[in-house]
N, C-alpha and C. Protein backbone atom coordinates (compact mmCIF):
# COMPACT_ATOMS: atom_id res chain seq x y z
N HIS A 1 4.22 18.12 -18.54
CA HIS A 1 2.93 18.21 -17.88
C HIS A 1 2.59 16.87 -17.23
N TRP A 2 1.82 16.94 -16.17
CA TRP A 2 1.38 15.74 -15.46
C TRP A 2 -0.14 15.70 -15.44
N LEU A 3 -0.67 14.52 -15.54
CA LEU A 3 -2.11 14.31 -15.46
C LEU A 3 -2.44 13.62 -14.15
N GLU A 4 -3.54 14.02 -13.52
CA GLU A 4 -3.98 13.33 -12.32
C GLU A 4 -4.68 12.04 -12.72
N VAL A 5 -4.45 11.01 -11.94
CA VAL A 5 -5.12 9.74 -12.15
C VAL A 5 -6.28 9.68 -11.17
N GLN A 6 -7.48 9.55 -11.69
CA GLN A 6 -8.65 9.47 -10.84
C GLN A 6 -8.89 8.02 -10.45
N LEU A 7 -8.93 7.77 -9.15
CA LEU A 7 -9.17 6.43 -8.65
C LEU A 7 -10.63 6.30 -8.23
N SER A 8 -11.18 5.14 -8.45
CA SER A 8 -12.51 4.88 -7.92
C SER A 8 -12.38 4.72 -6.41
N ASP A 9 -13.49 4.79 -5.71
CA ASP A 9 -13.46 4.61 -4.27
C ASP A 9 -12.90 3.23 -3.91
N GLN A 10 -13.25 2.22 -4.69
CA GLN A 10 -12.76 0.87 -4.43
C GLN A 10 -11.24 0.78 -4.63
N GLU A 11 -10.73 1.43 -5.67
CA GLU A 11 -9.29 1.42 -5.91
C GLU A 11 -8.55 2.13 -4.78
N ALA A 12 -9.10 3.24 -4.32
CA ALA A 12 -8.47 3.98 -3.22
C ALA A 12 -8.46 3.13 -1.95
N GLU A 13 -9.55 2.43 -1.68
CA GLU A 13 -9.63 1.55 -0.51
C GLU A 13 -8.61 0.42 -0.61
N TYR A 14 -8.47 -0.16 -1.79
CA TYR A 14 -7.53 -1.26 -2.01
C TYR A 14 -6.10 -0.80 -1.75
N ILE A 15 -5.75 0.35 -2.30
CA ILE A 15 -4.40 0.88 -2.12
C ILE A 15 -4.14 1.20 -0.65
N GLU A 16 -5.09 1.80 0.00
CA GLU A 16 -4.93 2.14 1.41
C GLU A 16 -4.76 0.87 2.25
N LEU A 17 -5.52 -0.17 1.96
CA LEU A 17 -5.40 -1.44 2.67
C LEU A 17 -4.00 -2.03 2.47
N LYS A 18 -3.54 -2.02 1.25
CA LYS A 18 -2.22 -2.58 0.95
C LYS A 18 -1.12 -1.80 1.67
N LEU A 19 -1.24 -0.47 1.71
CA LEU A 19 -0.26 0.35 2.41
C LEU A 19 -0.25 0.05 3.92
N LYS A 20 -1.43 -0.09 4.51
CA LYS A 20 -1.51 -0.39 5.95
C LYS A 20 -0.92 -1.76 6.26
N LEU A 21 -1.20 -2.74 5.42
CA LEU A 21 -0.64 -4.08 5.63
C LEU A 21 0.89 -4.04 5.50
N ALA A 22 1.40 -3.31 4.52
CA ALA A 22 2.85 -3.20 4.33
C ALA A 22 3.51 -2.50 5.51
N GLU A 23 2.90 -1.41 5.98
CA GLU A 23 3.43 -0.69 7.16
C GLU A 23 3.46 -1.61 8.37
N SER A 24 2.39 -2.35 8.56
CA SER A 24 2.28 -3.26 9.70
C SER A 24 3.31 -4.38 9.62
N LEU A 25 3.56 -4.87 8.43
CA LEU A 25 4.56 -5.93 8.25
C LEU A 25 5.94 -5.42 8.66
N ARG A 26 6.30 -4.24 8.19
CA ARG A 26 7.60 -3.67 8.56
C ARG A 26 7.69 -3.47 10.08
N ALA A 27 6.63 -2.90 10.67
CA ALA A 27 6.64 -2.64 12.11
C ALA A 27 6.74 -3.94 12.91
N LYS A 28 6.00 -4.97 12.50
CA LYS A 28 6.02 -6.25 13.21
C LYS A 28 7.39 -6.92 13.08
N ARG A 29 7.99 -6.83 11.89
CA ARG A 29 9.33 -7.42 11.69
C ARG A 29 10.34 -6.73 12.59
N ARG A 30 10.28 -5.40 12.62
CA ARG A 30 11.22 -4.65 13.46
C ARG A 30 10.98 -4.90 14.95
N GLN A 31 9.70 -5.00 15.32
CA GLN A 31 9.34 -5.29 16.71
C GLN A 31 9.96 -6.62 17.16
N ARG A 32 10.00 -7.57 16.26
CA ARG A 32 10.59 -8.88 16.56
C ARG A 32 12.11 -8.89 16.35
N ARG A 33 12.66 -7.72 16.03
CA ARG A 33 14.11 -7.55 15.81
C ARG A 33 14.64 -8.53 14.77
N MET A 34 13.92 -8.59 13.67
CA MET A 34 14.31 -9.45 12.56
C MET A 34 14.74 -8.59 11.38
N GLY A 35 15.69 -9.10 10.63
CA GLY A 35 16.07 -8.45 9.38
C GLY A 35 15.16 -8.94 8.26
N GLN A 36 15.25 -8.29 7.12
CA GLN A 36 14.44 -8.73 5.98
C GLN A 36 14.83 -10.14 5.54
N THR A 37 16.08 -10.49 5.66
CA THR A 37 16.54 -11.83 5.29
C THR A 37 15.93 -12.88 6.21
N ASP A 38 15.84 -12.55 7.51
CA ASP A 38 15.24 -13.47 8.47
C ASP A 38 13.77 -13.73 8.13
N LEU A 39 13.04 -12.66 7.81
CA LEU A 39 11.64 -12.80 7.44
C LEU A 39 11.51 -13.59 6.14
N ALA A 40 12.42 -13.33 5.21
CA ALA A 40 12.39 -14.05 3.93
C ALA A 40 12.50 -15.56 4.16
N LYS A 41 13.40 -15.96 5.05
CA LYS A 41 13.55 -17.38 5.35
C LYS A 41 12.27 -17.94 5.99
N LEU A 42 11.68 -17.16 6.88
CA LEU A 42 10.47 -17.61 7.56
C LEU A 42 9.32 -17.86 6.59
N VAL A 43 9.19 -17.00 5.59
CA VAL A 43 8.08 -17.13 4.64
C VAL A 43 8.52 -17.79 3.33
N GLN A 44 9.73 -18.35 3.34
CA GLN A 44 10.29 -19.03 2.17
C GLN A 44 10.26 -18.15 0.92
N SER A 45 10.87 -16.99 1.08
CA SER A 45 10.95 -16.02 -0.01
C SER A 45 12.35 -15.44 -0.04
N SER A 46 12.52 -14.32 -0.71
CA SER A 46 13.83 -13.68 -0.79
C SER A 46 13.80 -12.33 -0.08
N GLN A 47 14.97 -11.84 0.26
CA GLN A 47 15.08 -10.53 0.92
C GLN A 47 14.50 -9.45 0.02
N SER A 48 14.76 -9.53 -1.28
CA SER A 48 14.26 -8.49 -2.18
C SER A 48 12.73 -8.51 -2.25
N ARG A 49 12.15 -9.71 -2.13
CA ARG A 49 10.68 -9.81 -2.12
C ARG A 49 10.11 -9.19 -0.86
N VAL A 50 10.79 -9.40 0.28
CA VAL A 50 10.35 -8.78 1.53
C VAL A 50 10.42 -7.26 1.42
N ALA A 51 11.48 -6.76 0.79
CA ALA A 51 11.59 -5.30 0.59
C ALA A 51 10.42 -4.79 -0.25
N LYS A 52 10.05 -5.54 -1.27
CA LYS A 52 8.90 -5.16 -2.10
C LYS A 52 7.60 -5.23 -1.30
N MET A 53 7.48 -6.23 -0.43
CA MET A 53 6.28 -6.33 0.41
C MET A 53 6.16 -5.10 1.29
N GLU A 54 7.27 -4.71 1.91
CA GLU A 54 7.25 -3.57 2.83
C GLU A 54 7.05 -2.24 2.10
N ALA A 55 7.33 -2.22 0.82
CA ALA A 55 7.12 -1.02 0.02
C ALA A 55 5.75 -1.03 -0.66
N ALA A 56 4.96 -2.07 -0.39
CA ALA A 56 3.63 -2.23 -1.01
C ALA A 56 3.73 -2.18 -2.54
N ASP A 57 4.77 -2.82 -3.05
CA ASP A 57 4.98 -2.86 -4.50
C ASP A 57 3.76 -3.46 -5.19
N ARG A 58 3.46 -2.97 -6.36
CA ARG A 58 2.27 -3.44 -7.08
C ARG A 58 2.34 -4.93 -7.43
N SER A 59 3.54 -5.51 -7.44
CA SER A 59 3.68 -6.93 -7.77
C SER A 59 3.37 -7.84 -6.58
N VAL A 60 3.20 -7.25 -5.40
CA VAL A 60 2.95 -8.02 -4.18
C VAL A 60 1.45 -8.12 -3.93
N SER A 61 0.99 -9.32 -3.68
CA SER A 61 -0.44 -9.51 -3.42
C SER A 61 -0.77 -9.24 -1.95
N ILE A 62 -2.02 -8.88 -1.72
CA ILE A 62 -2.49 -8.70 -0.34
C ILE A 62 -2.41 -10.04 0.39
N ASP A 63 -2.65 -11.13 -0.32
CA ASP A 63 -2.56 -12.45 0.27
C ASP A 63 -1.17 -12.70 0.85
N LEU A 64 -0.13 -12.36 0.11
CA LEU A 64 1.24 -12.55 0.60
C LEU A 64 1.52 -11.68 1.81
N LEU A 65 1.02 -10.45 1.81
CA LEU A 65 1.21 -9.57 2.97
C LEU A 65 0.54 -10.17 4.21
N ILE A 66 -0.67 -10.67 4.05
CA ILE A 66 -1.40 -11.25 5.19
C ILE A 66 -0.70 -12.52 5.67
N ARG A 67 -0.30 -13.40 4.75
CA ARG A 67 0.39 -14.63 5.16
C ARG A 67 1.69 -14.31 5.90
N SER A 68 2.39 -13.27 5.47
CA SER A 68 3.65 -12.88 6.13
C SER A 68 3.38 -12.31 7.51
N LEU A 69 2.33 -11.53 7.65
CA LEU A 69 1.96 -11.00 8.97
C LEU A 69 1.60 -12.14 9.92
N LEU A 70 0.85 -13.12 9.42
CA LEU A 70 0.48 -14.27 10.24
C LEU A 70 1.72 -15.07 10.64
N ALA A 71 2.69 -15.21 9.73
CA ALA A 71 3.94 -15.93 10.02
C ALA A 71 4.72 -15.22 11.12
N LEU A 72 4.56 -13.91 11.24
CA LEU A 72 5.24 -13.15 12.29
C LEU A 72 4.48 -13.18 13.62
N GLY A 73 3.36 -13.89 13.64
CA GLY A 73 2.62 -14.02 14.89
C GLY A 73 1.48 -13.05 15.07
N THR A 74 1.09 -12.36 14.01
CA THR A 74 -0.04 -11.46 14.09
C THR A 74 -1.31 -12.29 14.30
N SER A 75 -2.08 -11.91 15.31
CA SER A 75 -3.32 -12.65 15.59
C SER A 75 -4.43 -12.18 14.65
N ASN A 76 -5.46 -12.99 14.53
CA ASN A 76 -6.60 -12.59 13.70
C ASN A 76 -7.24 -11.29 14.18
N PRO A 77 -7.45 -11.11 15.50
CA PRO A 77 -8.01 -9.82 15.95
C PRO A 77 -7.10 -8.64 15.61
N GLU A 78 -5.79 -8.84 15.74
CA GLU A 78 -4.84 -7.76 15.40
C GLU A 78 -4.90 -7.46 13.90
N LEU A 79 -4.99 -8.51 13.10
CA LEU A 79 -5.11 -8.33 11.66
C LEU A 79 -6.40 -7.57 11.33
N GLY A 80 -7.46 -7.89 12.04
CA GLY A 80 -8.72 -7.18 11.85
C GLY A 80 -8.59 -5.69 12.17
N ARG A 81 -7.83 -5.37 13.22
CA ARG A 81 -7.62 -3.95 13.56
C ARG A 81 -6.80 -3.24 12.48
N ILE A 82 -5.81 -3.92 11.92
CA ILE A 82 -5.01 -3.32 10.83
C ILE A 82 -5.92 -3.01 9.65
N ILE A 83 -6.75 -3.97 9.30
CA ILE A 83 -7.66 -3.78 8.17
C ILE A 83 -8.65 -2.66 8.46
N ALA A 84 -9.17 -2.62 9.69
CA ALA A 84 -10.13 -1.57 10.05
C ALA A 84 -9.49 -0.19 9.98
N ARG A 85 -8.21 -0.09 10.34
CA ARG A 85 -7.52 1.21 10.28
C ARG A 85 -7.29 1.67 8.85
N SER A 86 -7.36 0.74 7.91
CA SER A 86 -7.11 1.12 6.52
C SER A 86 -8.34 1.74 5.88
N HIS A 87 -9.50 1.62 6.52
CA HIS A 87 -10.74 2.14 5.94
C HIS A 87 -10.59 3.62 5.67
N HIS A 88 -10.86 4.01 4.47
CA HIS A 88 -10.59 5.37 4.00
C HIS A 88 -11.74 5.80 3.11
N PRO A 89 -12.88 6.17 3.69
CA PRO A 89 -14.10 6.36 2.91
C PRO A 89 -14.10 7.55 1.97
N ALA A 90 -13.79 7.28 0.73
CA ALA A 90 -13.96 8.25 -0.36
C ALA A 90 -13.37 9.63 -0.09
N VAL A 91 -12.29 9.71 0.64
CA VAL A 91 -11.61 10.99 0.82
C VAL A 91 -10.16 10.78 0.45
N CYS A 92 -9.88 10.90 -0.80
CA CYS A 92 -8.57 10.55 -1.30
C CYS A 92 -8.03 11.69 -2.17
N PRO A 93 -6.70 11.80 -2.29
CA PRO A 93 -6.14 12.82 -3.17
C PRO A 93 -6.71 12.72 -4.57
N GLY A 94 -6.81 13.84 -5.22
CA GLY A 94 -7.33 13.85 -6.57
C GLY A 94 -8.83 14.02 -6.61
N ARG A 95 -9.45 14.04 -5.46
CA ARG A 95 -10.89 14.25 -5.39
C ARG A 95 -11.17 15.74 -5.22
N SER A 96 -12.42 16.11 -5.26
CA SER A 96 -12.78 17.52 -5.12
C SER A 96 -12.32 18.03 -3.76
N ALA A 97 -12.09 19.33 -3.67
CA ALA A 97 -11.61 19.94 -2.43
C ALA A 97 -12.56 19.66 -1.27
N ALA A 98 -13.85 19.70 -1.52
CA ALA A 98 -14.82 19.46 -0.46
C ALA A 98 -14.70 18.05 0.10
N ARG A 99 -14.41 17.08 -0.76
CA ARG A 99 -14.31 15.69 -0.31
C ARG A 99 -12.94 15.35 0.23
N SER A 100 -11.89 16.09 -0.17
CA SER A 100 -10.55 15.69 0.24
C SER A 100 -10.02 16.48 1.43
N ARG A 101 -10.76 17.45 1.94
CA ARG A 101 -10.23 18.23 3.07
C ARG A 101 -10.04 17.38 4.32
N ASN A 102 -10.79 16.29 4.44
CA ASN A 102 -10.64 15.39 5.58
C ASN A 102 -9.77 14.18 5.26
N CYS A 103 -9.03 14.27 4.18
CA CYS A 103 -8.25 13.14 3.69
C CYS A 103 -7.20 12.70 4.71
N LEU A 104 -7.10 11.40 4.87
CA LEU A 104 -6.14 10.81 5.80
C LEU A 104 -4.85 10.38 5.11
N CYS A 105 -4.80 10.48 3.79
CA CYS A 105 -3.63 10.04 3.04
C CYS A 105 -2.41 10.88 3.37
N ARG A 106 -1.27 10.24 3.29
CA ARG A 106 -0.01 10.95 3.47
C ARG A 106 0.59 11.28 2.13
N PHE A 107 -0.06 10.88 1.07
CA PHE A 107 0.54 10.97 -0.24
C PHE A 107 -0.15 12.00 -1.12
N PRO A 108 0.60 12.65 -2.00
CA PRO A 108 -0.02 13.59 -2.95
C PRO A 108 -0.82 12.81 -3.98
N PRO A 109 -1.65 13.49 -4.74
CA PRO A 109 -2.42 12.80 -5.78
C PRO A 109 -1.49 12.04 -6.72
N LEU A 110 -1.94 10.88 -7.16
CA LEU A 110 -1.15 10.11 -8.12
C LEU A 110 -1.16 10.84 -9.45
N ARG A 111 -0.03 10.91 -10.08
CA ARG A 111 0.07 11.59 -11.36
C ARG A 111 0.85 10.71 -12.31
N SER A 112 0.59 10.89 -13.57
CA SER A 112 1.36 10.17 -14.58
C SER A 112 1.75 11.16 -15.66
N PRO A 113 2.85 10.90 -16.36
CA PRO A 113 3.28 11.84 -17.39
C PRO A 113 2.21 11.99 -18.47
N ALA A 114 2.05 13.20 -18.92
CA ALA A 114 1.09 13.45 -20.01
C ALA A 114 1.67 12.87 -21.29
N ARG A 115 0.81 12.29 -22.07
CA ARG A 115 1.26 11.76 -23.36
C ARG A 115 0.86 12.74 -24.44
N ARG A 116 1.81 13.01 -25.28
CA ARG A 116 1.52 13.92 -26.37
C ARG A 116 0.99 13.13 -27.54
N SER A 117 0.04 13.68 -28.21
CA SER A 117 -0.49 12.99 -29.37
C SER A 117 0.53 13.08 -30.51
N SER A 118 0.36 12.25 -31.52
CA SER A 118 1.29 12.27 -32.65
C SER A 118 1.22 13.61 -33.37
N ARG A 119 0.06 14.25 -33.35
CA ARG A 119 -0.06 15.57 -33.98
C ARG A 119 0.75 16.61 -33.23
N ALA A 120 0.81 16.52 -31.91
CA ALA A 120 1.53 17.51 -31.11
C ALA A 120 3.03 17.41 -31.35
N ARG A 121 3.53 16.24 -31.75
CA ARG A 121 4.97 16.05 -31.96
C ARG A 121 5.45 16.63 -33.29
N ARG A 122 4.54 16.86 -34.21
CA ARG A 122 4.93 17.31 -35.56
C ARG A 122 5.44 18.71 -35.57
């Protein structure tokens, strides 16, 4: 069995922002015809870290994503547009049908494995 994870509006906004920044980083890197290793050298990191940035891994900070976008030549106004596109007002998977019908997410509701109590295992 799977349980749905309910996110607060702020958590949903944070995740959406991180996803948009990660998507933009990948697009900007490819636009500049750079490999992940090239970007890693530019931001003094590793190729595996760049892969995690582009995957919006939970270990990657928004600060690192923004610094990497700026290193690729993203202007402040362009960065502002990326952030504005991430705005996702309280219409996220896992919410009521009435609130989620206009959802912009590409992802299904977050789920985690159900934990059985010690009594259920007996």
